[in-house]
């Protein structure tokens, strides 16, 4: 899991597609590399913020939703 506690299933399904335009797989070993882990974790936060919770108008409420969903 690493620094940002992101799981390979989440990273593969959502983040890899966002970053590279297609589905791909990433394993635990790759997620243990700090730079990769941070890139995937922050990208997933961005996806939650801009895709899943974009309709939440109150900024603080949207941030709470993102944190709760990430956790």
PDB file of N, CA and C in Angstrom:
ATOM      1  N   UNK A   1       0.808  -1.190   0.000  1.00  0.00           N
ATOM      2  CA  UNK A   1       0.000   0.000   0.000  1.00  0.00           C
ATOM      3  C   UNK A   1       0.856   1.261   0.000  1.00  0.00           C
ATOM      4  N   UNK A   2       1.794   1.399   0.866  1.00  0.00           N
ATOM      5  CA  UNK A   2       2.701   2.521   0.807  1.00  0.00           C
ATOM      6  C   UNK A   2       2.198   3.801   1.450  1.00  0.00           C
ATOM      7  N   UNK A   3       2.801   4.894   1.046  1.00  0.00           N
ATOM      8  CA  UNK A   3       2.572   6.198   1.666  1.00  0.00           C
ATOM      9  C   UNK A   3       1.119   6.628   1.679  1.00  0.00           C
ATOM     10  N   UNK A   4       0.451   6.504   0.561  1.00  0.00           N
ATOM     11  CA  UNK A   4      -0.912   7.028   0.445  1.00  0.00           C
ATOM     12  C   UNK A   4      -1.973   5.945   0.606  1.00  0.00           C
ATOM     13  N   UNK A   5      -1.546   4.742   0.966  1.00  0.00           N
ATOM     14  CA  UNK A   5      -2.466   3.650   1.279  1.00  0.00           C
ATOM     15  C   UNK A   5      -3.412   3.314   0.131  1.00  0.00           C
ATOM     16  N   UNK A   6      -2.948   3.459  -1.092  1.00  0.00           N
ATOM     17  CA  UNK A   6      -3.791   3.140  -2.244  1.00  0.00           C
ATOM     18  C   UNK A   6      -3.621   1.663  -2.588  1.00  0.00           C
ATOM     19  N   UNK A   7      -4.706   1.029  -2.966  1.00  0.00           N
ATOM     20  CA  UNK A   7      -4.698  -0.392  -3.288  1.00  0.00           C
ATOM     21  C   UNK A   7      -4.517  -0.610  -4.786  1.00  0.00           C
ATOM     22  N   UNK A   8      -3.868  -1.704  -5.177  1.00  0.00           N
ATOM     23  CA  UNK A   8      -3.664  -1.971  -6.603  1.00  0.00           C
ATOM     24  C   UNK A   8      -4.955  -2.006  -7.411  1.00  0.00           C
ATOM     25  N   UNK A   9      -6.028  -2.565  -6.870  1.00  0.00           N
ATOM     26  CA  UNK A   9      -7.289  -2.622  -7.624  1.00  0.00           C
ATOM     27  C   UNK A   9      -7.798  -1.229  -7.952  1.00  0.00           C
ATOM     28  N   UNK A  10      -7.747  -0.344  -6.994  1.00  0.00           N
ATOM     29  CA  UNK A  10      -8.180   1.036  -7.212  1.00  0.00           C
ATOM     30  C   UNK A  10      -7.267   1.723  -8.214  1.00  0.00           C
ATOM     31  N   UNK A  11      -5.974   1.555  -8.026  1.00  0.00           N
ATOM     32  CA  UNK A  11      -5.009   2.204  -8.912  1.00  0.00           C
ATOM     33  C   UNK A  11      -5.150   1.705 -10.338  1.00  0.00           C
ATOM     34  N   UNK A  12      -5.325   0.409 -10.490  1.00  0.00           N
ATOM     35  CA  UNK A  12      -5.433  -0.144 -11.838  1.00  0.00           C
ATOM     36  C   UNK A  12      -6.684   0.328 -12.539  1.00  0.00           C
ATOM     37  N   UNK A  13      -7.796   0.263 -11.852  1.00  0.00           N
ATOM     38  CA  UNK A  13      -9.080   0.519 -12.498  1.00  0.00           C
ATOM     39  C   UNK A  13      -9.321   1.990 -12.791  1.00  0.00           C
ATOM     40  N   UNK A  14      -8.987   2.854 -11.876  1.00  0.00           N
ATOM     41  CA  UNK A  14      -9.312   4.278 -12.021  1.00  0.00           C
ATOM     42  C   UNK A  14      -8.114   5.104 -12.473  1.00  0.00           C
ATOM     43  N   UNK A  15      -7.052   5.022 -11.736  1.00  0.00           N
ATOM     44  CA  UNK A  15      -5.935   5.933 -11.925  1.00  0.00           C
ATOM     45  C   UNK A  15      -5.157   5.644 -13.194  1.00  0.00           C
ATOM     46  N   UNK A  16      -4.863   4.400 -13.442  1.00  0.00           N
ATOM     47  CA  UNK A  16      -4.082   4.056 -14.633  1.00  0.00           C
ATOM     48  C   UNK A  16      -4.796   4.538 -15.890  1.00  0.00           C
ATOM     49  N   UNK A  17      -6.092   4.359 -15.942  1.00  0.00           N
ATOM     50  CA  UNK A  17      -6.876   4.820 -17.093  1.00  0.00           C
ATOM     51  C   UNK A  17      -6.799   6.341 -17.216  1.00  0.00           C
ATOM     52  N   UNK A  18      -6.876   7.041 -16.104  1.00  0.00           N
ATOM     53  CA  UNK A  18      -6.806   8.506 -16.126  1.00  0.00           C
ATOM     54  C   UNK A  18      -5.420   8.977 -16.593  1.00  0.00           C
ATOM     55  N   UNK A  19      -4.375   8.355 -16.070  1.00  0.00           N
ATOM     56  CA  UNK A  19      -3.014   8.785 -16.393  1.00  0.00           C
ATOM     57  C   UNK A  19      -2.579   8.397 -17.800  1.00  0.00           C
ATOM     58  N   UNK A  20      -2.965   7.207 -18.239  1.00  0.00           N
ATOM     59  CA  UNK A  20      -2.417   6.665 -19.483  1.00  0.00           C
ATOM     60  C   UNK A  20      -3.449   6.425 -20.575  1.00  0.00           C
ATOM     61  N   UNK A  21      -4.722   6.658 -20.280  1.00  0.00           N
ATOM     62  CA  UNK A  21      -5.758   6.531 -21.297  1.00  0.00           C
ATOM     63  C   UNK A  21      -6.235   5.121 -21.565  1.00  0.00           C
ATOM     64  N   UNK A  22      -5.790   4.163 -20.776  1.00  0.00           N
ATOM     65  CA  UNK A  22      -6.236   2.778 -20.938  1.00  0.00           C
ATOM     66  C   UNK A  22      -6.065   2.036 -19.615  1.00  0.00           C
ATOM     67  N   UNK A  23      -6.771   0.926 -19.521  1.00  0.00           N
ATOM     68  CA  UNK A  23      -6.651   0.103 -18.311  1.00  0.00           C
ATOM     69  C   UNK A  23      -5.271  -0.511 -18.249  1.00  0.00           C
ATOM     70  N   UNK A  24      -4.819  -0.690 -17.061  1.00  0.00           N
ATOM     71  CA  UNK A  24      -3.534  -1.333 -16.841  1.00  0.00           C
ATOM     72  C   UNK A  24      -3.494  -1.874 -15.430  1.00  0.00           C
ATOM     73  N   UNK A  25      -2.467  -2.584 -15.144  1.00  0.00           N
ATOM     74  CA  UNK A  25      -2.340  -3.161 -13.813  1.00  0.00           C
ATOM     75  C   UNK A  25      -1.095  -2.619 -13.132  1.00  0.00           C
ATOM     76  N   UNK A  26      -1.207  -2.470 -11.850  1.00  0.00           N
ATOM     77  CA  UNK A  26      -0.068  -2.076 -11.028  1.00  0.00           C
ATOM     78  C   UNK A  26      -0.087  -2.968  -9.797  1.00  0.00           C
ATOM     79  N   UNK A  27       1.071  -3.372  -9.370  1.00  0.00           N
ATOM     80  CA  UNK A  27       1.152  -4.287  -8.246  1.00  0.00           C
ATOM     81  C   UNK A  27       1.636  -3.616  -6.975  1.00  0.00           C
ATOM     82  N   UNK A  28       1.608  -4.381  -5.895  1.00  0.00           N
ATOM     83  CA  UNK A  28       2.065  -3.870  -4.610  1.00  0.00           C
ATOM     84  C   UNK A  28       3.509  -3.394  -4.689  1.00  0.00           C
ATOM     85  N   UNK A  29       4.363  -4.142  -5.408  1.00  0.00           N
ATOM     86  CA  UNK A  29       5.772  -3.753  -5.490  1.00  0.00           C
ATOM     87  C   UNK A  29       5.942  -2.382  -6.126  1.00  0.00           C
ATOM     88  N   UNK A  30       5.189  -2.112  -7.176  1.00  0.00           N
ATOM     89  CA  UNK A  30       5.269  -0.805  -7.834  1.00  0.00           C
ATOM     90  C   UNK A  30       4.754   0.301  -6.918  1.00  0.00           C
ATOM     91  N   UNK A  31       3.697   0.004  -6.172  1.00  0.00           N
ATOM     92  CA  UNK A  31       3.130   1.008  -5.269  1.00  0.00           C
ATOM     93  C   UNK A  31       4.022   1.281  -4.060  1.00  0.00           C
ATOM     94  N   UNK A  32       5.022   0.456  -3.857  1.00  0.00           N
ATOM     95  CA  UNK A  32       5.972   0.697  -2.769  1.00  0.00           C
ATOM     96  C   UNK A  32       7.033   1.732  -3.154  1.00  0.00           C
ATOM     97  N   UNK A  33       7.106   2.075  -4.426  1.00  0.00           N
ATOM     98  CA  UNK A  33       8.021   3.128  -4.878  1.00  0.00           C
ATOM     99  C   UNK A  33       7.364   4.468  -4.534  1.00  0.00           C
ATOM    100  N   UNK A  34       7.989   5.276  -3.677  1.00  0.00           N
ATOM    101  CA  UNK A  34       7.334   6.497  -3.196  1.00  0.00           C
ATOM    102  C   UNK A  34       6.794   7.406  -4.299  1.00  0.00           C
ATOM    103  N   UNK A  35       7.567   7.635  -5.348  1.00  0.00           N
ATOM    104  CA  UNK A  35       7.117   8.536  -6.412  1.00  0.00           C
ATOM    105  C   UNK A  35       5.866   8.006  -7.102  1.00  0.00           C
ATOM    106  N   UNK A  36       5.825   6.712  -7.342  1.00  0.00           N
ATOM    107  CA  UNK A  36       4.668   6.083  -7.991  1.00  0.00           C
ATOM    108  C   UNK A  36       3.469   6.142  -7.054  1.00  0.00           C
ATOM    109  N   UNK A  37       3.688   5.811  -5.792  1.00  0.00           N
ATOM    110  CA  UNK A  37       2.609   5.803  -4.814  1.00  0.00           C
ATOM    111  C   UNK A  37       1.983   7.184  -4.673  1.00  0.00           C
ATOM    112  N   UNK A  38       2.811   8.205  -4.593  1.00  0.00           N
ATOM    113  CA  UNK A  38       2.293   9.568  -4.453  1.00  0.00           C
ATOM    114  C   UNK A  38       1.570  10.001  -5.720  1.00  0.00           C
ATOM    115  N   UNK A  39       2.118   9.670  -6.895  1.00  0.00           N
ATOM    116  CA  UNK A  39       1.449  10.032  -8.157  1.00  0.00           C
ATOM    117  C   UNK A  39       0.078   9.376  -8.245  1.00  0.00           C
ATOM    118  N   UNK A  40       0.004   8.092  -7.924  1.00  0.00           N
ATOM    119  CA  UNK A  40      -1.271   7.386  -8.004  1.00  0.00           C
ATOM    120  C   UNK A  40      -2.242   7.870  -6.928  1.00  0.00           C
ATOM    121  N   UNK A  41      -1.749   8.097  -5.724  1.00  0.00           N
ATOM    122  CA  UNK A  41      -2.622   8.564  -4.647  1.00  0.00           C
ATOM    123  C   UNK A  41      -3.192   9.943  -4.910  1.00  0.00           C
ATOM    124  N   UNK A  42      -2.358  10.871  -5.357  1.00  0.00           N
ATOM    125  CA  UNK A  42      -2.848  12.222  -5.623  1.00  0.00           C
ATOM    126  C   UNK A  42      -3.756  12.254  -6.846  1.00  0.00           C
ATOM    127  N   UNK A  43      -3.475  11.406  -7.817  1.00  0.00           N
ATOM    128  CA  UNK A  43      -4.363  11.336  -8.984  1.00  0.00           C
ATOM    129  C   UNK A  43      -5.724  10.800  -8.577  1.00  0.00           C
ATOM    130  N   UNK A  44      -5.749   9.803  -7.704  1.00  0.00           N
ATOM    131  CA  UNK A  44      -7.027   9.271  -7.240  1.00  0.00           C
ATOM    132  C   UNK A  44      -7.806  10.334  -6.461  1.00  0.00           C
ATOM    133  N   UNK A  45      -7.122  11.113  -5.638  1.00  0.00           N
ATOM    134  CA  UNK A  45      -7.792  12.219  -4.945  1.00  0.00           C
ATOM    135  C   UNK A  45      -8.380  13.206  -5.952  1.00  0.00           C
ATOM    136  N   UNK A  46      -7.629  13.508  -6.992  1.00  0.00           N
ATOM    137  CA  UNK A  46      -8.110  14.418  -8.041  1.00  0.00           C
ATOM    138  C   UNK A  46      -9.354  13.850  -8.728  1.00  0.00           C
ATOM    139  N   UNK A  47      -9.342  12.553  -9.017  1.00  0.00           N
ATOM    140  CA  UNK A  47     -10.497  11.910  -9.656  1.00  0.00           C
ATOM    141  C   UNK A  47     -11.721  12.013  -8.750  1.00  0.00           C
ATOM    142  N   UNK A  48     -11.542  11.730  -7.480  1.00  0.00           N
ATOM    143  CA  UNK A  48     -12.665  11.838  -6.542  1.00  0.00           C
ATOM    144  C   UNK A  48     -13.207  13.257  -6.508  1.00  0.00           C
ATOM    145  N   UNK A  49     -12.315  14.230  -6.446  1.00  0.00           N
ATOM    146  CA  UNK A  49     -12.710  15.632  -6.337  1.00  0.00           C
ATOM    147  C   UNK A  49     -13.408  16.142  -7.591  1.00  0.00           C
ATOM    148  N   UNK A  50     -12.877  15.799  -8.752  1.00  0.00           N
ATOM    149  CA  UNK A  50     -13.379  16.395  -9.997  1.00  0.00           C
ATOM    150  C   UNK A  50     -14.413  15.552 -10.726  1.00  0.00           C
ATOM    151  N   UNK A  51     -14.474  14.279 -10.424  1.00  0.00           N
ATOM    152  CA  UNK A  51     -15.423  13.415 -11.123  1.00  0.00           C
ATOM    153  C   UNK A  51     -16.578  13.006 -10.220  1.00  0.00           C
ATOM    154  N   UNK A  52     -16.270  12.367  -9.127  1.00  0.00           N
ATOM    155  CA  UNK A  52     -17.320  11.786  -8.299  1.00  0.00           C
ATOM    156  C   UNK A  52     -18.043  12.803  -7.422  1.00  0.00           C
ATOM    157  N   UNK A  53     -17.334  13.816  -6.967  1.00  0.00           N
ATOM    158  CA  UNK A  53     -17.953  14.780  -6.061  1.00  0.00           C
ATOM    159  C   UNK A  53     -17.991  16.188  -6.644  1.00  0.00           C
ATOM    160  N   UNK A  54     -17.878  16.301  -7.930  1.00  0.00           N
ATOM    161  CA  UNK A  54     -17.909  17.614  -8.591  1.00  0.00           C
ATOM    162  C   UNK A  54     -19.238  18.327  -8.358  1.00  0.00           C
ATOM    163  N   UNK A  55     -20.305  17.573  -8.158  1.00  0.00           N
ATOM    164  CA  UNK A  55     -21.623  18.163  -7.966  1.00  0.00           C
ATOM    165  C   UNK A  55     -21.876  18.701  -6.569  1.00  0.00           C
ATOM    166  N   UNK A  56     -20.974  18.431  -5.638  1.00  0.00           N
ATOM    167  CA  UNK A  56     -21.121  18.956  -4.282  1.00  0.00           C
ATOM    168  C   UNK A  56     -20.620  20.398  -4.306  1.00  0.00           C
ATOM    169  N   UNK A  57     -21.542  21.324  -4.163  1.00  0.00           N
ATOM    170  CA  UNK A  57     -21.206  22.737  -4.356  1.00  0.00           C
ATOM    171  C   UNK A  57     -20.401  23.342  -3.211  1.00  0.00           C
ATOM    172  N   UNK A  58     -20.699  22.949  -1.997  1.00  0.00           N
ATOM    173  CA  UNK A  58     -19.963  23.481  -0.856  1.00  0.00           C
ATOM    174  C   UNK A  58     -18.556  22.871  -0.842  1.00  0.00           C
ATOM    175  N   UNK A  59     -17.539  23.727  -0.918  1.00  0.00           N
ATOM    176  CA  UNK A  59     -16.159  23.260  -1.037  1.00  0.00           C
ATOM    177  C   UNK A  59     -15.722  22.404   0.146  1.00  0.00           C
ATOM    178  N   UNK A  60     -16.056  22.817   1.353  1.00  0.00           N
ATOM    179  CA  UNK A  60     -15.674  22.054   2.533  1.00  0.00           C
ATOM    180  C   UNK A  60     -16.381  20.702   2.558  1.00  0.00           C
ATOM    181  N   UNK A  61     -17.653  20.678   2.229  1.00  0.00           N
ATOM    182  CA  UNK A  61     -18.398  19.418   2.173  1.00  0.00           C
ATOM    183  C   UNK A  61     -17.805  18.490   1.118  1.00  0.00           C
ATOM    184  N   UNK A  62     -17.409  19.059  -0.029  1.00  0.00           N
ATOM    185  CA  UNK A  62     -16.794  18.257  -1.094  1.00  0.00           C
ATOM    186  C   UNK A  62     -15.479  17.645  -0.606  1.00  0.00           C
ATOM    187  N   UNK A  63     -14.681  18.428   0.101  1.00  0.00           N
ATOM    188  CA  UNK A  63     -13.421  17.905   0.637  1.00  0.00           C
ATOM    189  C   UNK A  63     -13.672  16.793   1.649  1.00  0.00           C
ATOM    190  N   UNK A  64     -14.683  16.951   2.496  1.00  0.00           N
ATOM    191  CA  UNK A  64     -15.036  15.892   3.444  1.00  0.00           C
ATOM    192  C   UNK A  64     -15.444  14.619   2.703  1.00  0.00           C
ATOM    193  N   UNK A  65     -16.220  14.775   1.658  1.00  0.00           N
ATOM    194  CA  UNK A  65     -16.649  13.619   0.858  1.00  0.00           C
ATOM    195  C   UNK A  65     -15.451  12.898   0.258  1.00  0.00           C
ATOM    196  N   UNK A  66     -14.504  13.659  -0.267  1.00  0.00           N
ATOM    197  CA  UNK A  66     -13.306  13.069  -0.872  1.00  0.00           C
ATOM    198  C   UNK A  66     -12.503  12.304   0.174  1.00  0.00           C
ATOM    199  N   UNK A  67     -12.286  12.910   1.321  1.00  0.00           N
ATOM    200  CA  UNK A  67     -11.521  12.248   2.381  1.00  0.00           C
ATOM    201  C   UNK A  67     -12.227  10.977   2.837  1.00  0.00           C
ATOM    202  N   UNK A  68     -13.536  11.045   3.014  1.00  0.00           N
ATOM    203  CA  UNK A  68     -14.293   9.865   3.446  1.00  0.00           C
ATOM    204  C   UNK A  68     -14.240   8.766   2.397  1.00  0.00           C
ATOM    205  N   UNK A  69     -14.360   9.123   1.132  1.00  0.00           N
ATOM    206  CA  UNK A  69     -14.324   8.124   0.064  1.00  0.00           C
ATOM    207  C   UNK A  69     -12.934   7.521  -0.075  1.00  0.00           C
ATOM    208  N   UNK A  70     -11.914   8.328   0.092  1.00  0.00           N
ATOM    209  CA  UNK A  70     -10.533   7.841  -0.027  1.00  0.00           C
ATOM    210  C   UNK A  70     -10.205   6.882   1.099  1.00  0.00           C
ATOM    211  N   UNK A  71     -10.726   7.192   2.267  1.00  0.00           N
ATOM    212  CA  UNK A  71     -10.443   6.385   3.441  1.00  0.00           C
ATOM    213  C   UNK A  71     -11.234   5.104   3.380  1.00  0.00           C
TER     214      UNK A  71
END
